[in-house]
Amino acid sequence: MPEARWVRDESRKRWAALGFDGREELFRLAREGKPSPDVELSLAAVHWSWAVLGRPDARRSYPLGDALLHFAPAAMFDNVYNGTRQHDFRRSVRREARRVEAANLPRLRQLGIDTSR
């Protein structure tokens, strides 16, 4: 599996230190549409989702067409959203990443936190 492209190293370390149970709790909250109560953890979670999905400004609207037009074995490992190597191509992980982003990003923006770094 290719190495994820993290926005910042602190987020990567925070995510790794969270452990399995911590990540499961965060995923449960995201499935309920709730952000993490810890703002720093919310930021790390959003950065994890971007490591999986790519940054929002770099995603394309119609990735299925790209996948069909450029089908190749390597396409399974390339991110059809932005052309970079993706962290995980499993649908379940990508779905969780979308949920985590949707639950946490609006709160971070509302608080005025810079998510780009």
PDB file of N, CA and C in Angstrom:
ATOM      1  N   MET A   1       0.855  -1.170   0.000  1.00  0.00           N
ATOM      2  CA  MET A   1       0.000   0.000   0.000  1.00  0.00           C
ATOM      3  C   MET A   1       0.899   1.231   0.000  1.00  0.00           C
ATOM      4  N   PRO A   2       0.642   2.213  -0.855  1.00  0.00           N
ATOM      5  CA  PRO A   2       1.476   3.408  -0.886  1.00  0.00           C
ATOM      6  C   PRO A   2       1.325   4.239   0.378  1.00  0.00           C
ATOM      7  N   GLU A   3       2.342   5.007   0.652  1.00  0.00           N
ATOM      8  CA  GLU A   3       2.329   5.888   1.821  1.00  0.00           C
ATOM      9  C   GLU A   3       1.336   7.029   1.594  1.00  0.00           C
ATOM     10  N   ALA A   4       0.549   7.320   2.612  1.00  0.00           N
ATOM     11  CA  ALA A   4      -0.431   8.400   2.521  1.00  0.00           C
ATOM     12  C   ALA A   4       0.269   9.748   2.452  1.00  0.00           C
ATOM     13  N   ARG A   5      -0.357  10.694   1.817  1.00  0.00           N
ATOM     14  CA  ARG A   5       0.173  12.053   1.747  1.00  0.00           C
ATOM     15  C   ARG A   5      -0.546  12.900   2.786  1.00  0.00           C
ATOM     16  N   TRP A   6       0.086  13.069   3.912  1.00  0.00           N
ATOM     17  CA  TRP A   6      -0.515  13.802   5.017  1.00  0.00           C
ATOM     18  C   TRP A   6      -0.281  15.284   4.845  1.00  0.00           C
ATOM     19  N   VAL A   7      -1.224  16.084   5.337  1.00  0.00           N
ATOM     20  CA  VAL A   7      -1.102  17.534   5.282  1.00  0.00           C
ATOM     21  C   VAL A   7       0.012  18.002   6.213  1.00  0.00           C
ATOM     22  N   ARG A   8       0.065  17.403   7.391  1.00  0.00           N
ATOM     23  CA  ARG A   8       1.145  17.749   8.319  1.00  0.00           C
ATOM     24  C   ARG A   8       1.515  16.531   9.153  1.00  0.00           C
ATOM     25  N   ASP A   9       2.753  16.486   9.563  1.00  0.00           N
ATOM     26  CA  ASP A   9       3.266  15.334  10.292  1.00  0.00           C
ATOM     27  C   ASP A   9       2.624  15.203  11.675  1.00  0.00           C
ATOM     28  N   GLU A  10       2.288  16.320  12.308  1.00  0.00           N
ATOM     29  CA  GLU A  10       1.649  16.263  13.625  1.00  0.00           C
ATOM     30  C   GLU A  10       0.314  15.523  13.558  1.00  0.00           C
ATOM     31  N   SER A  11      -0.441  15.736  12.473  1.00  0.00           N
ATOM     32  CA  SER A  11      -1.719  15.038  12.310  1.00  0.00           C
ATOM     33  C   SER A  11      -1.502  13.544  12.134  1.00  0.00           C
ATOM     34  N   ARG A  12      -0.477  13.183  11.386  1.00  0.00           N
ATOM     35  CA  ARG A  12      -0.166  11.762  11.183  1.00  0.00           C
ATOM     36  C   ARG A  12       0.167  11.102  12.520  1.00  0.00           C
ATOM     37  N   LYS A  13       0.990  11.766  13.322  1.00  0.00           N
ATOM     38  CA  LYS A  13       1.372  11.210  14.620  1.00  0.00           C
ATOM     39  C   LYS A  13       0.172  11.120  15.556  1.00  0.00           C
ATOM     40  N   ARG A  14      -0.663  12.140  15.552  1.00  0.00           N
ATOM     41  CA  ARG A  14      -1.854  12.137  16.408  1.00  0.00           C
ATOM     42  C   ARG A  14      -2.791  10.995  16.012  1.00  0.00           C
ATOM     43  N   TRP A  15      -2.960  10.783  14.703  1.00  0.00           N
ATOM     44  CA  TRP A  15      -3.829   9.707  14.208  1.00  0.00           C
ATOM     45  C   TRP A  15      -3.269   8.340  14.590  1.00  0.00           C
ATOM     46  N   ALA A  16      -1.966   8.159  14.448  1.00  0.00           N
ATOM     47  CA  ALA A  16      -1.345   6.883  14.793  1.00  0.00           C
ATOM     48  C   ALA A  16      -1.443   6.608  16.292  1.00  0.00           C
ATOM     49  N   ALA A  17      -1.298   7.648  17.110  1.00  0.00           N
ATOM     50  CA  ALA A  17      -1.362   7.478  18.564  1.00  0.00           C
ATOM     51  C   ALA A  17      -2.775   7.198  19.057  1.00  0.00           C
ATOM     52  N   LEU A  18      -3.759   7.475  18.237  1.00  0.00           N
ATOM     53  CA  LEU A  18      -5.152   7.288  18.629  1.00  0.00           C
ATOM     54  C   LEU A  18      -5.489   5.824  18.874  1.00  0.00           C
ATOM     55  N   GLY A  19      -4.873   4.935  18.115  1.00  0.00           N
ATOM     56  CA  GLY A  19      -5.121   3.508  18.294  1.00  0.00           C
ATOM     57  C   GLY A  19      -6.442   3.072  17.682  1.00  0.00           C
ATOM     58  N   PHE A  20      -6.661   1.770  17.650  1.00  0.00           N
ATOM     59  CA  PHE A  20      -7.845   1.194  17.020  1.00  0.00           C
ATOM     60  C   PHE A  20      -9.132   1.658  17.686  1.00  0.00           C
ATOM     61  N   ASP A  21      -9.190   1.571  19.012  1.00  0.00           N
ATOM     62  CA  ASP A  21     -10.421   1.941  19.723  1.00  0.00           C
ATOM     63  C   ASP A  21     -10.752   3.421  19.555  1.00  0.00           C
ATOM     64  N   GLY A  22      -9.755   4.253  19.577  1.00  0.00           N
ATOM     65  CA  GLY A  22      -9.976   5.689  19.395  1.00  0.00           C
ATOM     66  C   GLY A  22     -10.501   6.010  18.006  1.00  0.00           C
ATOM     67  N   ARG A  23      -9.924   5.333  17.003  1.00  0.00           N
ATOM     68  CA  ARG A  23     -10.401   5.552  15.632  1.00  0.00           C
ATOM     69  C   ARG A  23     -11.822   5.035  15.468  1.00  0.00           C
ATOM     70  N   GLU A  24     -12.138   3.899  16.071  1.00  0.00           N
ATOM     71  CA  GLU A  24     -13.497   3.360  15.987  1.00  0.00           C
ATOM     72  C   GLU A  24     -14.506   4.317  16.619  1.00  0.00           C
ATOM     73  N   GLU A  25     -14.139   4.927  17.730  1.00  0.00           N
ATOM     74  CA  GLU A  25     -15.023   5.905  18.363  1.00  0.00           C
ATOM     75  C   GLU A  25     -15.235   7.109  17.455  1.00  0.00           C
ATOM     76  N   LEU A  26     -14.166   7.574  16.828  1.00  0.00           N
ATOM     77  CA  LEU A  26     -14.272   8.695  15.913  1.00  0.00           C
ATOM     78  C   LEU A  26     -15.149   8.337  14.716  1.00  0.00           C
ATOM     79  N   PHE A  27     -15.008   7.122  14.178  1.00  0.00           N
ATOM     80  CA  PHE A  27     -15.841   6.677  13.061  1.00  0.00           C
ATOM     81  C   PHE A  27     -17.306   6.578  13.484  1.00  0.00           C
ATOM     82  N   ARG A  28     -17.547   6.111  14.713  1.00  0.00           N
ATOM     83  CA  ARG A  28     -18.917   6.011  15.207  1.00  0.00           C
ATOM     84  C   ARG A  28     -19.559   7.396  15.285  1.00  0.00           C
ATOM     85  N   LEU A  29     -18.822   8.355  15.820  1.00  0.00           N
ATOM     86  CA  LEU A  29     -19.328   9.726  15.886  1.00  0.00           C
ATOM     87  C   LEU A  29     -19.612  10.263  14.486  1.00  0.00           C
ATOM     88  N   ALA A  30     -18.717   9.996  13.543  1.00  0.00           N
ATOM     89  CA  ALA A  30     -18.900  10.486  12.172  1.00  0.00           C
ATOM     90  C   ALA A  30     -20.136   9.854  11.526  1.00  0.00           C
ATOM     91  N   ARG A  31     -20.388   8.563  11.798  1.00  0.00           N
ATOM     92  CA  ARG A  31     -21.586   7.920  11.251  1.00  0.00           C
ATOM     93  C   ARG A  31     -22.855   8.571  11.787  1.00  0.00           C
ATOM     94  N   GLU A  32     -22.768   9.112  13.000  1.00  0.00           N
ATOM     95  CA  GLU A  32     -23.897   9.831  13.591  1.00  0.00           C
ATOM     96  C   GLU A  32     -23.923  11.297  13.162  1.00  0.00           C
ATOM     97  N   GLY A  33     -22.924  11.712  12.381  1.00  0.00           N
ATOM     98  CA  GLY A  33     -22.850  13.097  11.916  1.00  0.00           C
ATOM     99  C   GLY A  33     -22.291  14.061  12.932  1.00  0.00           C
ATOM    100  N   LYS A  34     -21.616  13.537  13.949  1.00  0.00           N
ATOM    101  CA  LYS A  34     -21.078  14.375  15.020  1.00  0.00           C
ATOM    102  C   LYS A  34     -19.556  14.499  14.891  1.00  0.00           C
ATOM    103  N   PRO A  35     -19.018  15.706  15.125  1.00  0.00           N
ATOM    104  CA  PRO A  35     -17.559  15.856  15.115  1.00  0.00           C
ATOM    105  C   PRO A  35     -16.953  15.359  16.420  1.00  0.00           C
ATOM    106  N   SER A  36     -15.661  15.172  16.405  1.00  0.00           N
ATOM    107  CA  SER A  36     -14.945  14.805  17.624  1.00  0.00           C
ATOM    108  C   SER A  36     -15.005  15.976  18.597  1.00  0.00           C
ATOM    109  N   PRO A  37     -15.168  15.720  19.887  1.00  0.00           N
ATOM    110  CA  PRO A  37     -15.183  16.821  20.853  1.00  0.00           C
ATOM    111  C   PRO A  37     -13.828  17.531  20.983  1.00  0.00           C
ATOM    112  N   ASP A  38     -12.756  16.855  20.642  1.00  0.00           N
ATOM    113  CA  ASP A  38     -11.410  17.421  20.696  1.00  0.00           C
ATOM    114  C   ASP A  38     -11.086  18.061  19.338  1.00  0.00           C
ATOM    115  N   VAL A  39     -10.832  19.360  19.342  1.00  0.00           N
ATOM    116  CA  VAL A  39     -10.593  20.091  18.096  1.00  0.00           C
ATOM    117  C   VAL A  39      -9.330  19.599  17.389  1.00  0.00           C
ATOM    118  N   GLU A  40      -8.264  19.337  18.143  1.00  0.00           N
ATOM    119  CA  GLU A  40      -7.024  18.847  17.533  1.00  0.00           C
ATOM    120  C   GLU A  40      -7.239  17.473  16.884  1.00  0.00           C
ATOM    121  N   LEU A  41      -8.035  16.646  17.511  1.00  0.00           N
ATOM    122  CA  LEU A  41      -8.350  15.345  16.942  1.00  0.00           C
ATOM    123  C   LEU A  41      -9.223  15.501  15.702  1.00  0.00           C
ATOM    124  N   SER A  42     -10.129  16.458  15.707  1.00  0.00           N
ATOM    125  CA  SER A  42     -10.935  16.743  14.515  1.00  0.00           C
ATOM    126  C   SER A  42     -10.038  17.124  13.340  1.00  0.00           C
ATOM    127  N   LEU A  43      -9.048  17.948  13.627  1.00  0.00           N
ATOM    128  CA  LEU A  43      -8.121  18.363  12.574  1.00  0.00           C
ATOM    129  C   LEU A  43      -7.321  17.170  12.060  1.00  0.00           C
ATOM    130  N   ALA A  44      -6.832  16.333  12.957  1.00  0.00           N
ATOM    131  CA  ALA A  44      -6.099  15.131  12.535  1.00  0.00           C
ATOM    132  C   ALA A  44      -7.002  14.208  11.725  1.00  0.00           C
ATOM    133  N   ALA A  45      -8.270  14.104  12.113  1.00  0.00           N
ATOM    134  CA  ALA A  45      -9.212  13.245  11.401  1.00  0.00           C
ATOM    135  C   ALA A  45      -9.476  13.769   9.993  1.00  0.00           C
ATOM    136  N   VAL A  46      -9.625  15.076   9.860  1.00  0.00           N
ATOM    137  CA  VAL A  46      -9.818  15.666   8.531  1.00  0.00           C
ATOM    138  C   VAL A  46      -8.582  15.441   7.673  1.00  0.00           C
ATOM    139  N   HIS A  47      -7.412  15.608   8.253  1.00  0.00           N
ATOM    140  CA  HIS A  47      -6.177  15.373   7.497  1.00  0.00           C
ATOM    141  C   HIS A  47      -6.056  13.896   7.088  1.00  0.00           C
ATOM    142  N   TRP A  48      -6.501  12.972   7.960  1.00  0.00           N
ATOM    143  CA  TRP A  48      -6.520  11.556   7.578  1.00  0.00           C
ATOM    144  C   TRP A  48      -7.454  11.359   6.389  1.00  0.00           C
ATOM    145  N   SER A  49      -8.627  11.961   6.437  1.00  0.00           N
ATOM    146  CA  SER A  49      -9.570  11.784   5.328  1.00  0.00           C
ATOM    147  C   SER A  49      -8.977  12.325   4.035  1.00  0.00           C
ATOM    148  N   TRP A  50      -8.218  13.404   4.112  1.00  0.00           N
ATOM    149  CA  TRP A  50      -7.577  13.942   2.912  1.00  0.00           C
ATOM    150  C   TRP A  50      -6.433  13.058   2.440  1.00  0.00           C
ATOM    151  N   ALA A  51      -5.779  12.365   3.362  1.00  0.00           N
ATOM    152  CA  ALA A  51      -4.737  11.409   2.958  1.00  0.00           C
ATOM    153  C   ALA A  51      -5.363  10.260   2.179  1.00  0.00           C
ATOM    154  N   VAL A  52      -6.596   9.912   2.501  1.00  0.00           N
ATOM    155  CA  VAL A  52      -7.296   8.832   1.802  1.00  0.00           C
ATOM    156  C   VAL A  52      -7.915   9.328   0.507  1.00  0.00           C
ATOM    157  N   LEU A  53      -8.623  10.449   0.563  1.00  0.00           N
ATOM    158  CA  LEU A  53      -9.421  10.926  -0.566  1.00  0.00           C
ATOM    159  C   LEU A  53      -8.729  11.949  -1.451  1.00  0.00           C
ATOM    160  N   GLY A  54      -7.740  12.624  -0.915  1.00  0.00           N
ATOM    161  CA  GLY A  54      -7.165  13.772  -1.609  1.00  0.00           C
ATOM    162  C   GLY A  54      -7.808  15.039  -1.073  1.00  0.00           C
ATOM    163  N   ARG A  55      -7.168  16.143  -1.270  1.00  0.00           N
ATOM    164  CA  ARG A  55      -7.695  17.419  -0.788  1.00  0.00           C
ATOM    165  C   ARG A  55      -8.941  17.797  -1.587  1.00  0.00           C
ATOM    166  N   PRO A  56      -9.899  18.474  -0.972  1.00  0.00           N
ATOM    167  CA  PRO A  56     -11.151  18.794  -1.665  1.00  0.00           C
ATOM    168  C   PRO A  56     -10.956  19.592  -2.948  1.00  0.00           C
ATOM    169  N   ASP A  57     -10.014  20.514  -2.962  1.00  0.00           N
ATOM    170  CA  ASP A  57      -9.810  21.334  -4.158  1.00  0.00           C
ATOM    171  C   ASP A  57      -9.129  20.581  -5.287  1.00  0.00           C
ATOM    172  N   ALA A  58      -8.656  19.372  -5.017  1.00  0.00           N
ATOM    173  CA  ALA A  58      -7.967  18.592  -6.047  1.00  0.00           C
ATOM    174  C   ALA A  58      -8.804  17.429  -6.564  1.00  0.00           C
ATOM    175  N   ARG A  59     -10.009  17.268  -6.057  1.00  0.00           N
ATOM    176  CA  ARG A  59     -10.858  16.152  -6.488  1.00  0.00           C
ATOM    177  C   ARG A  59     -11.625  16.522  -7.741  1.00  0.00           C
ATOM    178  N   ARG A  60     -11.818  15.533  -8.569  1.00  0.00           N
ATOM    179  CA  ARG A  60     -12.612  15.722  -9.776  1.00  0.00           C
ATOM    180  C   ARG A  60     -14.057  15.339  -9.510  1.00  0.00           C
ATOM    181  N   SER A  61     -14.940  15.836 -10.327  1.00  0.00           N
ATOM    182  CA  SER A  61     -16.357  15.567 -10.133  1.00  0.00           C
ATOM    183  C   SER A  61     -16.790  14.196 -10.636  1.00  0.00           C
ATOM    184  N   TYR A  62     -16.166  13.700 -11.665  1.00  0.00           N
ATOM    185  CA  TYR A  62     -16.618  12.455 -12.297  1.00  0.00           C
ATOM    186  C   TYR A  62     -15.478  11.453 -12.409  1.00  0.00           C
ATOM    187  N   PRO A  63     -15.085  10.840 -11.298  1.00  0.00           N
ATOM    188  CA  PRO A  63     -13.943   9.917 -11.336  1.00  0.00           C
ATOM    189  C   PRO A  63     -14.244   8.609 -12.054  1.00  0.00           C
ATOM    190  N   LEU A  64     -15.516   8.205 -12.136  1.00  0.00           N
ATOM    191  CA  LEU A  64     -15.837   6.936 -12.783  1.00  0.00           C
ATOM    192  C   LEU A  64     -15.434   6.957 -14.248  1.00  0.00           C
ATOM    193  N   GLY A  65     -15.661   8.068 -14.923  1.00  0.00           N
ATOM    194  CA  GLY A  65     -15.261   8.184 -16.325  1.00  0.00           C
ATOM    195  C   GLY A  65     -13.763   8.017 -16.493  1.00  0.00           C
ATOM    196  N   ASP A  66     -13.004   8.608 -15.583  1.00  0.00           N
ATOM    197  CA  ASP A  66     -11.549   8.451 -15.645  1.00  0.00           C
ATOM    198  C   ASP A  66     -11.150   6.999 -15.446  1.00  0.00           C
ATOM    199  N   ALA A  67     -11.808   6.339 -14.500  1.00  0.00           N
ATOM    200  CA  ALA A  67     -11.474   4.944 -14.228  1.00  0.00           C
ATOM    201  C   ALA A  67     -11.782   4.065 -15.433  1.00  0.00           C
ATOM    202  N   LEU A  68     -12.889   4.322 -16.112  1.00  0.00           N
ATOM    203  CA  LEU A  68     -13.254   3.520 -17.280  1.00  0.00           C
ATOM    204  C   LEU A  68     -12.381   3.829 -18.491  1.00  0.00           C
ATOM    205  N   LEU A  69     -12.071   5.110 -18.684  1.00  0.00           N
ATOM    206  CA  LEU A  69     -11.280   5.499 -19.848  1.00  0.00           C
ATOM    207  C   LEU A  69      -9.808   5.156 -19.711  1.00  0.00           C
ATOM    208  N   HIS A  70      -9.319   5.116 -18.490  1.00  0.00           N
ATOM    209  CA  HIS A  70      -7.898   4.882 -18.267  1.00  0.00           C
ATOM    210  C   HIS A  70      -7.677   3.591 -17.491  1.00  0.00           C
ATOM    211  N   PHE A  71      -8.447   2.570 -17.783  1.00  0.00           N
ATOM    212  CA  PHE A  71      -8.337   1.327 -17.043  1.00  0.00           C
ATOM    213  C   PHE A  71      -6.983   0.674 -17.302  1.00  0.00           C
ATOM    214  N   ALA A  72      -6.325   0.353 -16.227  1.00  0.00           N
ATOM    215  CA  ALA A  72      -5.046  -0.345 -16.266  1.00  0.00           C
ATOM    216  C   ALA A  72      -4.830  -0.911 -14.873  1.00  0.00           C
ATOM    217  N   PRO A  73      -4.020  -1.937 -14.731  1.00  0.00           N
ATOM    218  CA  PRO A  73      -3.770  -2.459 -13.382  1.00  0.00           C
ATOM    219  C   PRO A  73      -3.284  -1.392 -12.413  1.00  0.00           C
ATOM    220  N   ALA A  74      -2.486  -0.473 -12.893  1.00  0.00           N
ATOM    221  CA  ALA A  74      -1.987   0.583 -12.015  1.00  0.00           C
ATOM    222  C   ALA A  74      -3.104   1.516 -11.570  1.00  0.00           C
ATOM    223  N   ALA A  75      -4.196   1.585 -12.327  1.00  0.00           N
ATOM    224  CA  ALA A  75      -5.302   2.477 -11.972  1.00  0.00           C
ATOM    225  C   ALA A  75      -5.943   2.074 -10.657  1.00  0.00           C
ATOM    226  N   MET A  76      -5.799   0.818 -10.273  1.00  0.00           N
ATOM    227  CA  MET A  76      -6.350   0.391  -8.994  1.00  0.00           C
ATOM    228  C   MET A  76      -5.632   1.065  -7.831  1.00  0.00           C
ATOM    229  N   PHE A  77      -4.410   1.485  -8.054  1.00  0.00           N
ATOM    230  CA  PHE A  77      -3.608   2.052  -6.979  1.00  0.00           C
ATOM    231  C   PHE A  77      -3.436   3.563  -7.103  1.00  0.00           C
ATOM    232  N   ASP A  78      -3.941   4.145  -8.177  1.00  0.00           N
ATOM    233  CA  ASP A  78      -3.872   5.587  -8.352  1.00  0.00           C
ATOM    234  C   ASP A  78      -5.191   6.208  -7.942  1.00  0.00           C
ATOM    235  N   ASN A  79      -5.136   7.371  -7.376  1.00  0.00           N
ATOM    236  CA  ASN A  79      -6.330   8.063  -6.919  1.00  0.00           C
ATOM    237  C   ASN A  79      -6.999   8.719  -8.112  1.00  0.00           C
ATOM    238  N   VAL A  80      -8.188   8.244  -8.481  1.00  0.00           N
ATOM    239  CA  VAL A  80      -8.878   8.822  -9.624  1.00  0.00           C
ATOM    240  C   VAL A  80      -9.405  10.210  -9.315  1.00  0.00           C
ATOM    241  N   TYR A  81      -9.381  10.611  -8.053  1.00  0.00           N
ATOM    242  CA  TYR A  81      -9.833  11.952  -7.708  1.00  0.00           C
ATOM    243  C   TYR A  81      -8.807  13.010  -8.078  1.00  0.00           C
ATOM    244  N   ASN A  82      -7.538  12.718  -7.891  1.00  0.00           N
ATOM    245  CA  ASN A  82      -6.555  13.765  -8.186  1.00  0.00           C
ATOM    246  C   ASN A  82      -5.289  13.240  -8.859  1.00  0.00           C
ATOM    247  N   GLY A  83      -5.258  11.986  -9.234  1.00  0.00           N
ATOM    248  CA  GLY A  83      -4.127  11.450  -9.967  1.00  0.00           C
ATOM    249  C   GLY A  83      -2.929  11.069  -9.126  1.00  0.00           C
ATOM    250  N   THR A  84      -2.991  11.264  -7.815  1.00  0.00           N
ATOM    251  CA  THR A  84      -1.868  10.910  -6.957  1.00  0.00           C
ATOM    252  C   THR A  84      -2.040   9.491  -6.432  1.00  0.00           C
ATOM    253  N   ARG A  85      -1.009   8.963  -5.870  1.00  0.00           N
ATOM    254  CA  ARG A  85      -1.095   7.651  -5.250  1.00  0.00           C
ATOM    255  C   ARG A  85      -2.035   7.759  -4.067  1.00  0.00           C
ATOM    256  N   GLN A  86      -2.943   6.849  -3.956  1.00  0.00           N
ATOM    257  CA  GLN A  86      -3.906   6.954  -2.862  1.00  0.00           C
ATOM    258  C   GLN A  86      -3.518   6.072  -1.690  1.00  0.00           C
ATOM    259  N   HIS A  87      -4.028   6.431  -0.542  1.00  0.00           N
ATOM    260  CA  HIS A  87      -3.721   5.728   0.695  1.00  0.00           C
ATOM    261  C   HIS A  87      -4.418   4.380   0.741  1.00  0.00           C
ATOM    262  N   ASP A  88      -5.638   4.332   0.328  1.00  0.00           N
ATOM    263  CA  ASP A  88      -6.410   3.110   0.430  1.00  0.00           C
ATOM    264  C   ASP A  88      -7.510   3.133  -0.626  1.00  0.00           C
ATOM    265  N   PHE A  89      -7.629   2.075  -1.396  1.00  0.00           N
ATOM    266  CA  PHE A  89      -8.648   2.066  -2.436  1.00  0.00           C
ATOM    267  C   PHE A  89      -9.863   1.243  -2.048  1.00  0.00           C
ATOM    268  N   ARG A  90      -9.911   0.758  -0.810  1.00  0.00           N
ATOM    269  CA  ARG A  90     -11.087   0.013  -0.363  1.00  0.00           C
ATOM    270  C   ARG A  90     -12.270   0.968  -0.191  1.00  0.00           C
ATOM    271  N   ARG A  91     -13.413   0.579  -0.709  1.00  0.00           N
ATOM    272  CA  ARG A  91     -14.605   1.433  -0.659  1.00  0.00           C
ATOM    273  C   ARG A  91     -15.017   1.735   0.779  1.00  0.00           C
ATOM    274  N   SER A  92     -14.890   0.767   1.664  1.00  0.00           N
ATOM    275  CA  SER A  92     -15.310   0.980   3.048  1.00  0.00           C
ATOM    276  C   SER A  92     -14.456   2.054   3.724  1.00  0.00           C
ATOM    277  N   VAL A  93     -13.163   2.064   3.452  1.00  0.00           N
ATOM    278  CA  VAL A  93     -12.271   3.067   4.044  1.00  0.00           C
ATOM    279  C   VAL A  93     -12.568   4.438   3.454  1.00  0.00           C
ATOM    280  N   ARG A  94     -12.789   4.485   2.161  1.00  0.00           N
ATOM    281  CA  ARG A  94     -13.093   5.756   1.506  1.00  0.00           C
ATOM    282  C   ARG A  94     -14.439   6.311   2.005  1.00  0.00           C
ATOM    283  N   ARG A  95     -15.403   5.437   2.240  1.00  0.00           N
ATOM    284  CA  ARG A  95     -16.702   5.869   2.771  1.00  0.00           C
ATOM    285  C   ARG A  95     -16.517   6.465   4.170  1.00  0.00           C
ATOM    286  N   GLU A  96     -15.730   5.785   5.012  1.00  0.00           N
ATOM    287  CA  GLU A  96     -15.464   6.320   6.354  1.00  0.00           C
ATOM    288  C   GLU A  96     -14.747   7.667   6.273  1.00  0.00           C
ATOM    289  N   ALA A  97     -13.825   7.794   5.337  1.00  0.00           N
ATOM    290  CA  ALA A  97     -13.097   9.058   5.176  1.00  0.00           C
ATOM    291  C   ALA A  97     -14.053  10.185   4.789  1.00  0.00           C
ATOM    292  N   ARG A  98     -14.994   9.912   3.895  1.00  0.00           N
ATOM    293  CA  ARG A  98     -15.980  10.930   3.516  1.00  0.00           C
ATOM    294  C   ARG A  98     -16.850  11.325   4.716  1.00  0.00           C
ATOM    295  N   ARG A  99     -17.231  10.334   5.515  1.00  0.00           N
ATOM    296  CA  ARG A  99     -18.043  10.622   6.709  1.00  0.00           C
ATOM    297  C   ARG A  99     -17.267  11.462   7.722  1.00  0.00           C
ATOM    298  N   VAL A 100     -16.015  11.100   7.955  1.00  0.00           N
ATOM    299  CA  VAL A 100     -15.174  11.835   8.910  1.00  0.00           C
ATOM    300  C   VAL A 100     -15.002  13.276   8.448  1.00  0.00           C
ATOM    301  N   GLU A 101     -14.749  13.462   7.170  1.00  0.00           N
ATOM    302  CA  GLU A 101     -14.592  14.816   6.628  1.00  0.00           C
ATOM    303  C   GLU A 101     -15.890  15.611   6.773  1.00  0.00           C
ATOM    304  N   ALA A 102     -17.013  15.001   6.420  1.00  0.00           N
ATOM    305  CA  ALA A 102     -18.302  15.702   6.487  1.00  0.00           C
ATOM    306  C   ALA A 102     -18.684  16.071   7.913  1.00  0.00           C
ATOM    307  N   ALA A 103     -18.311  15.248   8.886  1.00  0.00           N
ATOM    308  CA  ALA A 103     -18.671  15.523  10.280  1.00  0.00           C
ATOM    309  C   ALA A 103     -17.752  16.547  10.927  1.00  0.00           C
ATOM    310  N   ASN A 104     -16.487  16.582  10.554  1.00  0.00           N
ATOM    311  CA  ASN A 104     -15.512  17.412  11.262  1.00  0.00           C
ATOM    312  C   ASN A 104     -15.140  18.714  10.560  1.00  0.00           C
ATOM    313  N   LEU A 105     -15.111  18.726   9.242  1.00  0.00           N
ATOM    314  CA  LEU A 105     -14.648  19.915   8.524  1.00  0.00           C
ATOM    315  C   LEU A 105     -15.528  21.144   8.757  1.00  0.00           C
ATOM    316  N   PRO A 106     -16.858  21.042   8.722  1.00  0.00           N
ATOM    317  CA  PRO A 106     -17.663  22.251   8.957  1.00  0.00           C
ATOM    318  C   PRO A 106     -17.414  22.885  10.329  1.00  0.00           C
ATOM    319  N   ARG A 107     -17.227  22.069  11.346  1.00  0.00           N
ATOM    320  CA  ARG A 107     -16.957  22.596  12.682  1.00  0.00           C
ATOM    321  C   ARG A 107     -15.615  23.329  12.717  1.00  0.00           C
ATOM    322  N   LEU A 108     -14.606  22.758  12.088  1.00  0.00           N
ATOM    323  CA  LEU A 108     -13.298  23.415  12.061  1.00  0.00           C
ATOM    324  C   LEU A 108     -13.375  24.748  11.330  1.00  0.00           C
ATOM    325  N   ARG A 109     -14.111  24.772  10.223  1.00  0.00           N
ATOM    326  CA  ARG A 109     -14.260  26.030   9.480  1.00  0.00           C
ATOM    327  C   ARG A 109     -15.051  27.050  10.300  1.00  0.00           C
ATOM    328  N   GLN A 110     -16.072  26.585  11.004  1.00  0.00           N
ATOM    329  CA  GLN A 110     -16.871  27.477  11.840  1.00  0.00           C
ATOM    330  C   GLN A 110     -16.019  28.114  12.940  1.00  0.00           C
ATOM    331  N   LEU A 111     -15.077  27.339  13.466  1.00  0.00           N
ATOM    332  CA  LEU A 111     -14.181  27.857  14.507  1.00  0.00           C
ATOM    333  C   LEU A 111     -13.054  28.713  13.934  1.00  0.00           C
ATOM    334  N   GLY A 112     -12.936  28.755  12.610  1.00  0.00           N
ATOM    335  CA  GLY A 112     -11.898  29.552  11.961  1.00  0.00           C
ATOM    336  C   GLY A 112     -10.529  28.908  11.975  1.00  0.00           C
ATOM    337  N   ILE A 113     -10.478  27.593  12.102  1.00  0.00           N
ATOM    338  CA  ILE A 113      -9.201  26.871  12.147  1.00  0.00           C
ATOM    339  C   ILE A 113      -8.705  26.626  10.729  1.00  0.00           C
ATOM    340  N   ASP A 114      -7.453  26.953  10.476  1.00  0.00           N
ATOM    341  CA  ASP A 114      -6.845  26.739   9.169  1.00  0.00           C
ATOM    342  C   ASP A 114      -6.566  25.257   8.986  1.00  0.00           C
ATOM    343  N   THR A 115      -7.283  24.617   8.098  1.00  0.00           N
ATOM    344  CA  THR A 115      -7.129  23.186   7.877  1.00  0.00           C
ATOM    345  C   THR A 115      -6.079  22.860   6.816  1.00  0.00           C
ATOM    346  N   SER A 116      -5.575  23.862   6.151  1.00  0.00           N
ATOM    347  CA  SER A 116      -4.653  23.623   5.035  1.00  0.00           C
ATOM    348  C   SER A 116      -3.237  23.297   5.488  1.00  0.00           C
ATOM    349  N   ARG A 117      -2.955  23.440   6.787  1.00  0.00           N
ATOM    350  CA  ARG A 117      -1.610  23.121   7.259  1.00  0.00           C
ATOM    351  C   ARG A 117      -1.653  22.572   8.651  1.00  0.00           C
TER     352      ARG A 117
END
